[in-house]
Amino acid sequence: KARGMVKVLTSHHSIWHPEQVVAQLIQEYQTQGRAAIDLNNEGPCADTIGLYRLLDGVCQQFAFDPAQIEIVTANREEQHSRYRITVRNNLHWFSKTLTAYRSLDALAPKNFNNLFGCLYNVPSWDRLCLLSYIHRTTQHSSLLTCNGTWQPDRYNTYYLNTLIDHAPTELANVAEYLKTNPSAALDDVAEAKPVTAEHQMQVWPLYSDFFVDVVAETYNTGLSFFVTEKTLRPMLALTPFVVNAPPGYLSMLKYDFGFRTFDAWWDEDYDNYQGYERIQRMYQIIDQLDKLSAAQCQDMYADMMPVLQHNKQHLLTYEQRR
């Protein structure tokens, strides 16, 4: 039997169908004397999603040698002393997003009708916190969306269970926000479950309608660096951003990849934190920007233009630099 890969599908902070992963892992190891875990071109922190706990349990119960188990990931920060780590295709979304971008129409000139844009698909707990905070506390209009219908067969489509785990004090705020039917804003521009770069770029025209993108990356805790279209879209759209991601994400964008961020206009100390603590520090930036007038936003945007243009050009020439 040729060696196969045990494919592991992940979503934010968890592994889908872990019992299937265990069964396939046992079968593969007992047949081949080794096994490879394929994280499907995704870049989660394997410890955060519970992968190492799962593997430790199987190895202990069946006397498997951890050195014979390989983890193939797109997380360039992944490391482990016992399991073998192979990092592949870390920049998966760079190429896909650039390919999708080249088929798009040019954006209309940016207006400042909305202060923030939150263009979210999966309604994870951190995104619900950001959405409800902006909705509840800011005086300016913002474009707030999340897709609560992407898995209609699931009982708890909104991630209220993990919200209670990570930020229980936000439950009432989020519940109030959900009464606004946040899925409705995406009805005309996104499919129920956007899975390709082309689908993910269907929100492209909306970037003309807001000033700052409040990005919530797929993986935002633990030791991880995995850039997706969520960070790349605002770069291509000449849009400033704040981002919920793992600690050090902005630093790595700057010092490892040559992009520029926005520490000249607001405090990026939030990049040293993760989880709800990071979210709360992002709230402070939201509060700061909400105090600006439309004219002040326009002036700030003009001041940012060299940074924004650098990021777009730097990204567009990414493939030439590989």
Protein backbone atom coordinates (compact mmCIF):
# COMPACT_ATOMS: atom_id res chain seq x y z
CA LYS A 1 0.00 0.00 0.00
CA ALA A 2 1.38 3.39 -0.98
CA ARG A 3 1.81 5.82 1.80
CA GLY A 4 -1.14 8.18 2.24
CA MET A 5 -1.79 11.37 4.15
CA VAL A 6 -4.23 11.80 7.01
CA LYS A 7 -6.03 15.00 6.08
CA VAL A 8 -7.00 17.21 9.03
CA LEU A 9 -9.52 19.99 8.45
CA THR A 10 -9.42 22.86 10.91
CA SER A 11 -11.57 25.86 11.68
CA HIS A 12 -10.18 28.67 13.81
CA HIS A 13 -9.57 26.89 17.13
CA SER A 14 -10.55 23.27 16.53
CA ILE A 15 -10.22 20.13 14.44
CA TRP A 16 -13.21 18.96 12.48
CA HIS A 17 -14.19 15.31 13.09
CA PRO A 18 -11.25 14.36 15.36
CA GLU A 19 -12.56 10.82 15.72
CA GLN A 20 -12.06 10.29 11.98
CA VAL A 21 -8.55 11.68 12.22
CA VAL A 22 -7.73 9.20 15.01
CA ALA A 23 -9.13 6.24 13.06
CA GLN A 24 -7.22 7.15 9.89
CA LEU A 25 -4.03 7.82 11.83
CA ILE A 26 -4.13 4.42 13.53
CA GLN A 27 -4.81 2.65 10.25
CA GLU A 28 -2.03 4.47 8.43
CA TYR A 29 0.57 3.88 11.14
CA GLN A 30 -0.30 0.21 11.61
CA THR A 31 -0.11 -0.34 7.85
CA GLN A 32 3.00 1.70 7.08
CA GLY A 33 4.82 2.00 10.38
CA ARG A 34 4.57 5.77 10.05
CA ALA A 35 1.98 8.44 9.25
CA ALA A 36 1.74 11.95 7.86
CA ILE A 37 -0.78 14.55 9.00
CA ASP A 38 -1.79 16.98 6.24
CA LEU A 39 -3.21 20.29 7.51
CA ASN A 40 -4.65 21.03 4.07
CA ASN A 41 -2.60 24.16 3.25
CA GLU A 42 -3.77 25.79 6.47
CA GLY A 43 -1.60 27.35 9.17
CA PRO A 44 -3.07 26.87 12.65
CA CYS A 45 -1.00 26.50 15.78
CA ALA A 46 -1.12 22.72 16.19
CA ASP A 47 -1.04 23.02 19.97
CA THR A 48 -3.93 25.50 20.05
CA ILE A 49 -6.23 23.30 17.97
CA GLY A 50 -5.43 20.27 20.13
CA LEU A 51 -3.51 18.28 17.54
CA TYR A 52 -0.61 17.43 19.83
CA ARG A 53 -2.94 16.28 22.60
CA LEU A 54 -4.68 14.03 20.10
CA LEU A 55 -1.38 12.59 18.82
CA ASP A 56 0.05 12.16 22.30
CA GLY A 57 -3.00 10.14 23.32
CA VAL A 58 -2.80 7.86 20.28
CA CYS A 59 0.95 7.35 20.62
CA GLN A 60 0.65 6.48 24.28
CA GLN A 61 -2.24 4.07 23.82
CA PHE A 62 -0.81 2.26 20.78
CA ALA A 63 2.92 2.63 21.51
CA PHE A 64 3.49 4.60 18.29
CA ASP A 65 6.82 6.38 17.86
CA PRO A 66 6.22 10.17 17.56
CA ALA A 67 9.33 10.47 15.39
CA GLN A 68 7.49 8.44 12.73
CA ILE A 69 4.63 10.95 12.59
CA GLU A 70 5.03 13.94 10.28
CA ILE A 71 2.89 17.07 10.35
CA VAL A 72 2.67 18.93 7.05
CA THR A 73 1.55 22.50 7.70
CA ALA A 74 1.53 25.96 6.16
CA ASN A 75 2.37 27.54 9.52
CA ARG A 76 5.99 28.66 9.20
CA GLU A 77 6.25 29.03 13.00
CA GLU A 78 5.31 25.43 13.82
CA GLN A 79 7.91 23.41 15.70
CA HIS A 80 7.99 20.36 17.96
CA SER A 81 10.68 18.34 19.65
CA ARG A 82 9.18 14.89 18.98
CA TYR A 83 6.93 15.07 15.92
CA ARG A 84 8.47 15.88 12.52
CA ILE A 85 7.31 19.22 11.11
CA THR A 86 7.31 20.01 7.39
CA VAL A 87 6.28 23.52 6.32
CA ARG A 88 4.91 23.71 2.81
CA ASN A 89 3.11 26.36 0.77
CA ASN A 90 3.12 28.95 3.54
CA LEU A 91 2.18 31.65 1.02
CA HIS A 92 -0.76 29.70 -0.41
CA TRP A 93 -3.14 32.67 -0.31
CA PHE A 94 -0.70 35.16 -1.84
CA SER A 95 -0.81 33.55 -5.27
CA LYS A 96 -4.51 32.72 -5.12
CA THR A 97 -5.51 36.23 -4.05
CA LEU A 98 -3.33 37.91 -6.68
CA THR A 99 -4.79 35.67 -9.39
CA ALA A 100 -8.33 36.57 -8.31
CA TYR A 101 -7.45 40.26 -8.04
CA ARG A 102 -6.27 40.46 -11.65
CA SER A 103 -9.77 39.63 -12.87
CA LEU A 104 -11.46 42.36 -10.80
CA ASP A 105 -12.68 45.75 -11.93
CA ALA A 106 -10.95 48.82 -10.57
CA LEU A 107 -12.39 50.17 -7.34
CA ALA A 108 -14.44 53.34 -7.31
CA PRO A 109 -12.75 56.26 -5.52
CA LYS A 110 -12.84 55.72 -1.77
CA ASN A 111 -15.53 57.57 0.16
CA PHE A 112 -15.80 57.91 3.90
CA ASN A 113 -19.46 57.05 4.35
CA ASN A 114 -18.39 54.27 6.72
CA LEU A 115 -15.57 54.41 9.22
CA PHE A 116 -14.90 50.67 9.59
CA GLY A 117 -15.41 47.63 7.42
CA CYS A 118 -15.83 44.19 9.00
CA LEU A 119 -16.30 41.70 6.15
CA TYR A 120 -16.52 38.37 7.94
CA ASN A 121 -17.68 34.96 6.87
CA VAL A 122 -17.42 32.52 9.78
CA PRO A 123 -18.99 34.23 12.83
CA SER A 124 -16.29 33.23 15.33
CA TRP A 125 -16.33 34.57 18.88
CA ASP A 126 -13.64 37.22 18.28
CA ARG A 127 -15.39 38.56 15.20
CA LEU A 128 -18.68 38.75 17.05
CA CYS A 129 -16.97 40.78 19.77
CA LEU A 130 -15.55 43.25 17.26
CA LEU A 131 -18.81 43.56 15.35
CA SER A 132 -20.93 44.11 18.45
CA TYR A 133 -18.46 46.61 19.93
CA ILE A 134 -18.39 48.78 16.82
CA HIS A 135 -22.17 48.54 16.50
CA ARG A 136 -22.74 49.41 20.16
CA THR A 137 -20.18 52.12 20.89
CA THR A 138 -19.27 54.10 17.78
CA GLN A 139 -20.98 57.23 16.51
CA HIS A 140 -19.95 56.77 12.88
CA SER A 141 -21.61 54.42 10.44
CA SER A 142 -19.70 51.21 9.65
CA LEU A 143 -20.13 48.32 7.27
CA LEU A 144 -20.63 45.32 9.57
CA THR A 145 -21.24 41.86 8.14
CA CYS A 146 -20.89 38.21 9.07
CA ASN A 147 -22.34 35.11 7.51
CA GLY A 148 -24.47 33.21 9.98
CA THR A 149 -25.93 30.97 7.28
CA TRP A 150 -22.77 29.36 5.96
CA GLN A 151 -23.58 26.11 7.81
CA PRO A 152 -27.36 25.94 7.99
CA ASP A 153 -27.29 22.32 9.15
CA ARG A 154 -25.48 23.20 12.39
CA TYR A 155 -27.51 23.92 15.50
CA ASN A 156 -25.16 26.63 16.76
CA THR A 157 -24.21 28.47 13.58
CA TYR A 158 -22.90 31.46 15.50
CA TYR A 159 -19.97 30.53 17.72
CA LEU A 160 -21.67 31.42 20.99
CA ASN A 161 -20.21 28.41 22.77
CA THR A 162 -16.62 29.60 22.26
CA LEU A 163 -17.70 33.18 23.00
CA ILE A 164 -18.69 31.99 26.47
CA ASP A 165 -15.33 30.23 26.81
CA HIS A 166 -13.22 33.24 25.79
CA ALA A 167 -15.27 36.37 26.57
CA PRO A 168 -18.37 35.55 28.64
CA THR A 169 -18.99 39.20 29.54
CA GLU A 170 -19.63 39.91 25.83
CA LEU A 171 -22.54 37.47 25.48
CA ALA A 172 -25.30 40.02 26.08
CA ASN A 173 -23.64 42.54 23.75
CA VAL A 174 -23.32 39.97 20.97
CA ALA A 175 -26.89 38.77 21.42
CA GLU A 176 -28.11 42.34 21.02
CA TYR A 177 -26.01 42.79 17.90
CA LEU A 178 -27.32 39.60 16.30
CA LYS A 179 -30.80 41.12 16.32
CA THR A 180 -29.61 43.39 13.49
CA ASN A 181 -29.40 40.38 11.12
CA PRO A 182 -25.74 40.90 10.13
CA SER A 183 -25.89 38.25 7.40
CA ALA A 184 -28.21 40.38 5.30
CA ALA A 185 -25.50 42.82 4.22
CA LEU A 186 -23.67 40.05 2.35
CA ASP A 187 -26.66 38.56 0.57
CA ASP A 188 -25.91 40.20 -2.78
CA VAL A 189 -22.13 39.89 -2.80
CA ALA A 190 -21.16 36.53 -1.31
CA GLU A 191 -22.18 32.93 -1.56
CA ALA A 192 -23.26 30.95 1.47
CA LYS A 193 -19.85 29.35 1.94
CA PRO A 194 -17.08 31.17 0.03
CA VAL A 195 -14.21 28.72 -0.26
CA THR A 196 -12.09 29.92 -3.18
CA ALA A 197 -10.10 33.10 -3.62
CA GLU A 198 -12.60 34.22 -6.26
CA HIS A 199 -15.44 33.79 -3.78
CA GLN A 200 -13.49 35.57 -1.08
CA MET A 201 -12.95 38.56 -3.36
CA GLN A 202 -16.65 39.05 -4.05
CA VAL A 203 -16.65 41.71 -1.34
CA TRP A 204 -14.09 43.72 -3.31
CA PRO A 205 -16.48 46.55 -4.38
CA LEU A 206 -17.26 47.27 -0.72
CA TYR A 207 -13.73 48.53 -0.10
CA SER A 208 -14.70 51.86 -1.66
CA ASP A 209 -17.21 52.37 1.11
CA PHE A 210 -15.12 52.45 4.31
CA PHE A 211 -11.92 53.86 5.75
CA VAL A 212 -10.32 51.14 7.94
CA ASP A 213 -10.58 47.35 7.56
CA VAL A 214 -10.93 45.55 10.90
CA VAL A 215 -9.35 42.25 9.84
CA ALA A 216 -9.94 39.05 11.79
CA GLU A 217 -7.55 36.40 10.53
CA THR A 218 -8.56 32.74 10.50
CA TYR A 219 -5.94 31.72 13.07
CA ASN A 220 -5.32 34.23 15.82
CA THR A 221 -3.83 32.40 18.82
CA GLY A 222 -0.72 30.44 19.64
CA LEU A 223 2.52 30.22 17.68
CA SER A 224 1.35 30.81 14.14
CA PHE A 225 1.94 32.98 11.11
CA PHE A 226 -0.43 32.35 8.22
CA VAL A 227 -1.48 35.21 5.95
CA THR A 228 -4.79 34.84 4.12
CA GLU A 229 -6.77 36.97 1.70
CA LYS A 230 -8.23 38.78 4.72
CA THR A 231 -4.97 40.69 5.19
CA LEU A 232 -4.14 40.89 1.47
CA ARG A 233 -7.46 42.42 0.35
CA PRO A 234 -6.99 45.76 2.14
CA MET A 235 -3.43 45.99 0.84
CA LEU A 236 -4.67 45.66 -2.74
CA ALA A 237 -7.53 48.08 -2.02
CA LEU A 238 -5.26 50.79 -0.54
CA THR A 239 -7.06 50.46 2.77
CA PRO A 240 -5.49 50.75 6.24
CA PHE A 241 -6.15 47.89 8.64
CA VAL A 242 -5.99 46.64 12.18
CA VAL A 243 -5.87 42.88 12.54
CA ASN A 244 -6.76 40.23 15.08
CA ALA A 245 -4.06 37.61 14.60
CA PRO A 246 -1.48 35.74 16.69
CA PRO A 247 1.11 37.74 18.65
CA GLY A 248 3.85 39.18 16.46
CA TYR A 249 1.81 39.03 13.25
CA LEU A 250 2.36 42.69 12.34
CA SER A 251 6.04 42.47 13.23
CA MET A 252 6.49 39.53 10.89
CA LEU A 253 4.62 41.32 8.08
CA LYS A 254 7.07 44.20 8.45
CA TYR A 255 10.41 42.64 9.24
CA ASP A 256 10.14 39.30 7.43
CA PHE A 257 8.02 40.31 4.44
CA GLY A 258 8.74 44.02 3.95
CA PHE A 259 5.21 45.38 4.33
CA ARG A 260 4.42 48.53 6.32
CA THR A 261 1.78 48.97 8.99
CA PHE A 262 0.18 51.90 10.76
CA ASP A 263 2.07 52.55 13.97
CA ALA A 264 2.53 56.20 12.90
CA TRP A 265 -1.23 56.73 13.36
CA TRP A 266 -2.21 54.43 16.22
CA ASP A 267 -0.59 52.27 18.86
CA GLU A 268 0.26 48.81 17.52
CA ASP A 269 1.22 47.46 20.92
CA TYR A 270 -1.85 45.23 20.55
CA ASP A 271 0.31 43.00 18.34
CA ASN A 272 2.00 41.69 21.51
CA TYR A 273 -1.25 40.11 22.71
CA GLN A 274 -3.72 37.44 21.71
CA GLY A 275 -7.25 36.36 22.52
CA TYR A 276 -9.64 38.68 24.32
CA GLU A 277 -6.75 40.82 25.60
CA ARG A 278 -5.82 41.66 22.01
CA ILE A 279 -9.46 42.36 21.17
CA GLN A 280 -9.73 44.81 24.07
CA ARG A 281 -6.65 46.69 22.85
CA MET A 282 -8.17 46.84 19.38
CA TYR A 283 -11.23 48.43 21.02
CA GLN A 284 -8.96 51.32 22.07
CA ILE A 285 -7.97 51.96 18.44
CA ILE A 286 -11.62 51.81 17.42
CA ASP A 287 -12.43 54.41 20.10
CA GLN A 288 -9.58 56.64 18.91
CA LEU A 289 -10.66 56.57 15.27
CA ASP A 290 -14.31 57.07 16.11
CA LYS A 291 -13.44 60.51 17.50
CA LEU A 292 -12.28 61.70 14.08
CA SER A 293 -14.41 63.79 11.78
CA ALA A 294 -14.86 62.82 8.14
CA ALA A 295 -12.40 65.56 7.17
CA GLN A 296 -9.84 64.25 9.65
CA CYS A 297 -10.26 60.73 8.22
CA GLN A 298 -9.61 62.09 4.75
CA ASP A 299 -6.50 63.92 5.94
CA MET A 300 -5.21 60.80 7.72
CA TYR A 301 -5.85 58.71 4.64
CA ALA A 302 -3.90 61.14 2.47
CA ASP A 303 -1.06 61.02 5.00
CA MET A 304 -1.07 57.21 4.84
CA MET A 305 -0.95 57.02 1.06
CA PRO A 306 2.81 56.32 0.76
CA VAL A 307 2.43 53.34 3.12
CA LEU A 308 -0.68 52.08 1.32
CA GLN A 309 0.92 52.38 -2.11
CA HIS A 310 4.06 50.64 -0.91
CA ASN A 311 2.06 47.67 0.40
CA LYS A 312 0.07 47.29 -2.80
CA GLN A 313 3.13 47.49 -5.04
CA HIS A 314 5.11 45.20 -2.74
CA LEU A 315 2.33 42.61 -2.89
CA LEU A 316 1.85 42.89 -6.67
CA THR A 317 5.53 42.10 -7.21
CA TYR A 318 5.53 39.22 -4.70
CA GLU A 319 5.74 36.49 -7.34
CA GLN A 320 8.75 38.13 -8.98
CA ARG A 321 10.61 38.06 -5.65
CA ARG A 322 9.97 34.42 -4.79
